[in-house]
Amino acid sequence: MNIYDLAHQLARALKESQEYKTYMELKEKVSENEELSASINDFQQKQFQLQAQQLLGQEGDVTMREQIQNLAQILMKDPLAAQYLQAEFAFTMMYADVCKILQDAVRMGPDAK
């Protein structure tokens, strides 16, 4: 059994999953609307910044939290934006689960013994 062949099979399976296909289809639709695409990018950048602060042990800027909540409320009112964000979340969770399975199998995480 060649590990690289299996890795390529896993990559193909991820790309062929319904979660990935839905995510990519909606990503394409969102990219056709510049204003919506910019709003989603702004929302995601702010989320990333807040998560980075939290990972560094910082509580995070209250103003940024409010901006993120306001942007989320606005975006969720747009059906395409809501579908896209939900599809992105579904694919991201599936991908994270696969990574965790691999990590647990070889015990490379912080709890490795």
N, C-alpha and C. Protein backbone atom coordinates (compact mmCIF):
# COMPACT_ATOMS: atom_id res chain seq x y z
N MET A 1 0.85 -1.17 0.00
CA MET A 1 0.00 0.00 0.00
C MET A 1 0.90 1.25 0.00
N ASN A 2 0.78 2.09 -1.00
CA ASN A 2 1.57 3.31 -1.12
C ASN A 2 0.85 4.47 -0.45
N ILE A 3 1.47 5.06 0.54
CA ILE A 3 0.84 6.13 1.31
C ILE A 3 0.50 7.34 0.43
N TYR A 4 1.33 7.61 -0.57
CA TYR A 4 1.08 8.75 -1.45
C TYR A 4 -0.14 8.50 -2.34
N ASP A 5 -0.31 7.28 -2.78
CA ASP A 5 -1.50 6.94 -3.57
C ASP A 5 -2.76 7.12 -2.72
N LEU A 6 -2.68 6.69 -1.47
CA LEU A 6 -3.82 6.85 -0.56
C LEU A 6 -4.12 8.33 -0.30
N ALA A 7 -3.07 9.12 -0.15
CA ALA A 7 -3.26 10.56 0.06
C ALA A 7 -3.95 11.20 -1.14
N HIS A 8 -3.55 10.78 -2.34
CA HIS A 8 -4.20 11.30 -3.55
C HIS A 8 -5.66 10.83 -3.64
N GLN A 9 -5.92 9.61 -3.21
CA GLN A 9 -7.30 9.12 -3.19
C GLN A 9 -8.14 9.93 -2.21
N LEU A 10 -7.58 10.23 -1.06
CA LEU A 10 -8.28 11.04 -0.07
C LEU A 10 -8.55 12.45 -0.62
N ALA A 11 -7.57 13.02 -1.28
CA ALA A 11 -7.74 14.35 -1.88
C ALA A 11 -8.86 14.32 -2.92
N ARG A 12 -8.89 13.29 -3.74
CA ARG A 12 -9.97 13.17 -4.75
C ARG A 12 -11.32 13.01 -4.07
N ALA A 13 -11.36 12.21 -3.01
CA ALA A 13 -12.62 11.99 -2.29
C ALA A 13 -13.12 13.30 -1.69
N LEU A 14 -12.21 14.11 -1.16
CA LEU A 14 -12.62 15.41 -0.62
C LEU A 14 -13.20 16.29 -1.72
N LYS A 15 -12.52 16.33 -2.87
CA LYS A 15 -12.98 17.15 -3.99
C LYS A 15 -14.28 16.64 -4.59
N GLU A 16 -14.55 15.37 -4.45
CA GLU A 16 -15.77 14.79 -4.99
C GLU A 16 -16.92 14.79 -3.98
N SER A 17 -16.65 15.22 -2.76
CA SER A 17 -17.70 15.23 -1.74
C SER A 17 -18.74 16.30 -2.06
N GLN A 18 -19.96 16.05 -1.63
CA GLN A 18 -21.03 17.01 -1.86
C GLN A 18 -20.75 18.33 -1.14
N GLU A 19 -20.11 18.25 0.03
CA GLU A 19 -19.79 19.46 0.78
C GLU A 19 -18.86 20.36 -0.03
N TYR A 20 -17.85 19.77 -0.64
CA TYR A 20 -16.90 20.55 -1.43
C TYR A 20 -17.56 21.11 -2.68
N LYS A 21 -18.32 20.27 -3.37
CA LYS A 21 -18.97 20.72 -4.60
C LYS A 21 -19.94 21.87 -4.33
N THR A 22 -20.72 21.75 -3.27
CA THR A 22 -21.66 22.82 -2.92
C THR A 22 -20.90 24.09 -2.56
N TYR A 23 -19.86 23.95 -1.77
CA TYR A 23 -19.05 25.11 -1.37
C TYR A 23 -18.46 25.81 -2.59
N MET A 24 -17.88 25.06 -3.51
CA MET A 24 -17.25 25.66 -4.68
C MET A 24 -18.29 26.30 -5.62
N GLU A 25 -19.44 25.68 -5.75
CA GLU A 25 -20.51 26.23 -6.59
C GLU A 25 -20.97 27.57 -6.02
N LEU A 26 -21.17 27.62 -4.73
CA LEU A 26 -21.62 28.87 -4.09
C LEU A 26 -20.51 29.91 -4.07
N LYS A 27 -19.28 29.47 -3.93
CA LYS A 27 -18.15 30.40 -3.97
C LYS A 27 -18.09 31.10 -5.33
N GLU A 28 -18.34 30.35 -6.39
CA GLU A 28 -18.36 30.91 -7.74
C GLU A 28 -19.48 31.95 -7.87
N LYS A 29 -20.66 31.61 -7.37
CA LYS A 29 -21.79 32.54 -7.44
C LYS A 29 -21.50 33.82 -6.66
N VAL A 30 -20.91 33.67 -5.47
CA VAL A 30 -20.58 34.83 -4.65
C VAL A 30 -19.55 35.71 -5.36
N SER A 31 -18.58 35.09 -6.02
CA SER A 31 -17.52 35.86 -6.68
C SER A 31 -18.05 36.71 -7.83
N GLU A 32 -19.22 36.36 -8.35
CA GLU A 32 -19.84 37.13 -9.42
C GLU A 32 -20.46 38.44 -8.92
N ASN A 33 -20.65 38.54 -7.62
CA ASN A 33 -21.24 39.73 -7.01
C ASN A 33 -20.14 40.42 -6.18
N GLU A 34 -19.52 41.45 -6.76
CA GLU A 34 -18.36 42.09 -6.12
C GLU A 34 -18.67 42.64 -4.74
N GLU A 35 -19.83 43.25 -4.58
CA GLU A 35 -20.19 43.85 -3.29
C GLU A 35 -20.37 42.77 -2.23
N LEU A 36 -21.08 41.72 -2.58
CA LEU A 36 -21.29 40.62 -1.64
C LEU A 36 -19.97 39.93 -1.31
N SER A 37 -19.16 39.71 -2.32
CA SER A 37 -17.86 39.09 -2.12
C SER A 37 -16.99 39.92 -1.17
N ALA A 38 -17.00 41.23 -1.36
CA ALA A 38 -16.21 42.12 -0.50
C ALA A 38 -16.73 42.08 0.93
N SER A 39 -18.05 42.04 1.10
CA SER A 39 -18.64 41.99 2.45
C SER A 39 -18.27 40.70 3.16
N ILE A 40 -18.32 39.59 2.43
CA ILE A 40 -17.96 38.29 3.02
C ILE A 40 -16.48 38.28 3.38
N ASN A 41 -15.64 38.79 2.50
CA ASN A 41 -14.20 38.85 2.78
C ASN A 41 -13.91 39.69 4.02
N ASP A 42 -14.58 40.83 4.13
CA ASP A 42 -14.40 41.71 5.30
C ASP A 42 -14.81 40.97 6.57
N PHE A 43 -15.95 40.30 6.52
CA PHE A 43 -16.45 39.52 7.65
C PHE A 43 -15.45 38.45 8.06
N GLN A 44 -14.94 37.71 7.07
CA GLN A 44 -14.00 36.62 7.36
C GLN A 44 -12.67 37.14 7.89
N GLN A 45 -12.19 38.27 7.37
CA GLN A 45 -10.94 38.84 7.87
C GLN A 45 -11.08 39.28 9.32
N LYS A 46 -12.20 39.89 9.65
CA LYS A 46 -12.44 40.31 11.03
C LYS A 46 -12.54 39.10 11.96
N GLN A 47 -13.21 38.06 11.50
CA GLN A 47 -13.31 36.82 12.29
C GLN A 47 -11.91 36.24 12.54
N PHE A 48 -11.10 36.19 11.49
CA PHE A 48 -9.75 35.65 11.59
C PHE A 48 -8.92 36.47 12.58
N GLN A 49 -9.02 37.79 12.50
CA GLN A 49 -8.27 38.66 13.41
C GLN A 49 -8.68 38.41 14.86
N LEU A 50 -9.98 38.28 15.10
CA LEU A 50 -10.46 38.02 16.45
C LEU A 50 -9.97 36.66 16.94
N GLN A 51 -10.03 35.64 16.09
CA GLN A 51 -9.55 34.32 16.48
C GLN A 51 -8.05 34.33 16.77
N ALA A 52 -7.30 35.09 15.98
CA ALA A 52 -5.86 35.20 16.21
C ALA A 52 -5.58 35.84 17.56
N GLN A 53 -6.33 36.87 17.89
CA GLN A 53 -6.17 37.52 19.20
C GLN A 53 -6.46 36.53 20.32
N GLN A 54 -7.53 35.76 20.15
CA GLN A 54 -7.91 34.79 21.18
C GLN A 54 -6.86 33.70 21.33
N LEU A 55 -6.27 33.26 20.22
CA LEU A 55 -5.21 32.24 20.29
C LEU A 55 -3.98 32.76 21.01
N LEU A 56 -3.77 34.06 20.94
CA LEU A 56 -2.64 34.67 21.63
C LEU A 56 -2.97 35.01 23.09
N GLY A 57 -4.16 34.59 23.52
CA GLY A 57 -4.55 34.81 24.91
C GLY A 57 -5.15 36.17 25.17
N GLN A 58 -5.40 36.92 24.13
CA GLN A 58 -6.02 38.23 24.28
C GLN A 58 -7.53 38.06 24.21
N GLU A 59 -8.24 38.91 24.93
CA GLU A 59 -9.70 38.80 24.97
C GLU A 59 -10.33 39.20 23.66
N GLY A 60 -9.74 40.12 22.96
CA GLY A 60 -10.32 40.58 21.70
C GLY A 60 -11.02 41.91 21.87
N ASP A 61 -11.00 42.67 20.85
CA ASP A 61 -11.57 44.02 20.83
C ASP A 61 -13.10 43.94 20.83
N VAL A 62 -13.73 44.63 21.78
CA VAL A 62 -15.19 44.63 21.87
C VAL A 62 -15.81 45.24 20.62
N THR A 63 -15.19 46.28 20.11
CA THR A 63 -15.69 46.93 18.89
C THR A 63 -15.66 45.95 17.72
N MET A 64 -14.59 45.18 17.62
CA MET A 64 -14.48 44.20 16.53
C MET A 64 -15.55 43.13 16.68
N ARG A 65 -15.80 42.69 17.89
CA ARG A 65 -16.85 41.68 18.12
C ARG A 65 -18.20 42.21 17.64
N GLU A 66 -18.47 43.45 17.96
CA GLU A 66 -19.74 44.06 17.54
C GLU A 66 -19.81 44.17 16.02
N GLN A 67 -18.71 44.55 15.39
CA GLN A 67 -18.67 44.64 13.94
C GLN A 67 -18.94 43.27 13.31
N ILE A 68 -18.33 42.25 13.87
CA ILE A 68 -18.51 40.88 13.35
C ILE A 68 -19.97 40.46 13.49
N GLN A 69 -20.56 40.74 14.65
CA GLN A 69 -21.97 40.37 14.86
C GLN A 69 -22.88 41.12 13.90
N ASN A 70 -22.60 42.40 13.70
CA ASN A 70 -23.42 43.20 12.78
C ASN A 70 -23.27 42.69 11.35
N LEU A 71 -22.04 42.42 10.94
CA LEU A 71 -21.82 41.89 9.59
C LEU A 71 -22.50 40.53 9.42
N ALA A 72 -22.43 39.68 10.42
CA ALA A 72 -23.06 38.36 10.34
C ALA A 72 -24.58 38.51 10.17
N GLN A 73 -25.17 39.40 10.92
CA GLN A 73 -26.62 39.62 10.81
C GLN A 73 -27.00 40.10 9.42
N ILE A 74 -26.21 41.01 8.89
CA ILE A 74 -26.47 41.54 7.54
C ILE A 74 -26.31 40.44 6.50
N LEU A 75 -25.22 39.69 6.60
CA LEU A 75 -24.95 38.64 5.62
C LEU A 75 -25.99 37.53 5.67
N MET A 76 -26.45 37.17 6.85
CA MET A 76 -27.40 36.08 6.96
C MET A 76 -28.77 36.45 6.40
N LYS A 77 -29.02 37.73 6.19
CA LYS A 77 -30.27 38.16 5.56
C LYS A 77 -30.23 37.96 4.05
N ASP A 78 -29.03 37.84 3.50
CA ASP A 78 -28.87 37.61 2.07
C ASP A 78 -28.84 36.09 1.85
N PRO A 79 -29.80 35.55 1.11
CA PRO A 79 -29.86 34.09 0.95
C PRO A 79 -28.58 33.47 0.39
N LEU A 80 -27.97 34.10 -0.60
CA LEU A 80 -26.75 33.56 -1.19
C LEU A 80 -25.60 33.58 -0.18
N ALA A 81 -25.46 34.68 0.53
CA ALA A 81 -24.40 34.77 1.54
C ALA A 81 -24.60 33.73 2.63
N ALA A 82 -25.83 33.57 3.07
CA ALA A 82 -26.13 32.59 4.12
C ALA A 82 -25.81 31.18 3.64
N GLN A 83 -26.21 30.85 2.42
CA GLN A 83 -25.93 29.52 1.87
C GLN A 83 -24.42 29.30 1.75
N TYR A 84 -23.72 30.33 1.27
CA TYR A 84 -22.27 30.21 1.09
C TYR A 84 -21.58 29.98 2.44
N LEU A 85 -21.91 30.78 3.43
CA LEU A 85 -21.26 30.65 4.73
C LEU A 85 -21.57 29.30 5.37
N GLN A 86 -22.79 28.81 5.19
CA GLN A 86 -23.15 27.49 5.72
C GLN A 86 -22.39 26.39 4.99
N ALA A 87 -22.26 26.52 3.66
CA ALA A 87 -21.52 25.52 2.88
C ALA A 87 -20.04 25.53 3.24
N GLU A 88 -19.50 26.73 3.42
CA GLU A 88 -18.10 26.84 3.80
C GLU A 88 -17.87 26.18 5.16
N PHE A 89 -18.77 26.44 6.09
CA PHE A 89 -18.66 25.84 7.42
C PHE A 89 -18.74 24.31 7.35
N ALA A 90 -19.68 23.79 6.55
CA ALA A 90 -19.84 22.33 6.43
C ALA A 90 -18.58 21.69 5.87
N PHE A 91 -18.00 22.29 4.82
CA PHE A 91 -16.79 21.72 4.25
C PHE A 91 -15.62 21.84 5.23
N THR A 92 -15.49 22.99 5.86
CA THR A 92 -14.41 23.21 6.82
C THR A 92 -14.47 22.20 7.97
N MET A 93 -15.68 21.93 8.45
CA MET A 93 -15.83 20.96 9.54
C MET A 93 -15.45 19.55 9.07
N MET A 94 -15.87 19.18 7.86
CA MET A 94 -15.51 17.87 7.33
C MET A 94 -13.99 17.76 7.19
N TYR A 95 -13.37 18.78 6.64
CA TYR A 95 -11.93 18.79 6.45
C TYR A 95 -11.20 18.72 7.80
N ALA A 96 -11.68 19.48 8.78
CA ALA A 96 -11.08 19.46 10.12
C ALA A 96 -11.22 18.07 10.75
N ASP A 97 -12.36 17.43 10.54
CA ASP A 97 -12.56 16.08 11.07
C ASP A 97 -11.56 15.10 10.47
N VAL A 98 -11.34 15.20 9.15
CA VAL A 98 -10.38 14.33 8.47
C VAL A 98 -8.97 14.57 9.02
N CYS A 99 -8.62 15.84 9.18
CA CYS A 99 -7.29 16.17 9.72
C CYS A 99 -7.13 15.62 11.13
N LYS A 100 -8.17 15.71 11.94
CA LYS A 100 -8.11 15.20 13.31
C LYS A 100 -7.95 13.68 13.32
N ILE A 101 -8.66 13.01 12.43
CA ILE A 101 -8.53 11.55 12.33
C ILE A 101 -7.09 11.18 12.01
N LEU A 102 -6.50 11.87 11.05
CA LEU A 102 -5.10 11.59 10.68
C LEU A 102 -4.16 11.91 11.84
N GLN A 103 -4.38 13.04 12.46
CA GLN A 103 -3.52 13.46 13.56
C GLN A 103 -3.61 12.47 14.73
N ASP A 104 -4.84 12.05 15.04
CA ASP A 104 -5.03 11.09 16.14
C ASP A 104 -4.36 9.74 15.81
N ALA A 105 -4.40 9.37 14.55
CA ALA A 105 -3.84 8.08 14.14
C ALA A 105 -2.34 8.02 14.35
N VAL A 106 -1.67 9.14 14.17
CA VAL A 106 -0.21 9.14 14.32
C VAL A 106 0.22 9.91 15.57
N ARG A 107 -0.74 10.34 16.34
CA ARG A 107 -0.49 11.03 17.61
C ARG A 107 0.54 12.13 17.49
N MET A 108 0.28 13.06 16.58
CA MET A 108 1.20 14.18 16.40
C MET A 108 0.77 15.42 17.17
N GLY A 109 -0.38 15.33 17.83
CA GLY A 109 -0.92 16.48 18.52
C GLY A 109 -0.18 16.80 19.80
N PRO A 110 -0.68 17.80 20.52
CA PRO A 110 -0.01 18.22 21.76
C PRO A 110 -0.02 17.15 22.84
N ASP A 111 -0.91 16.15 22.71
CA ASP A 111 -0.99 15.09 23.71
C ASP A 111 -0.18 13.86 23.30
N ALA A 112 0.68 14.00 22.31
CA ALA A 112 1.46 12.85 21.79
C ALA A 112 2.35 12.28 22.89
N LYS A 113 2.45 10.96 22.87
CA LYS A 113 3.28 10.27 23.88
C LYS A 113 4.31 9.42 23.20
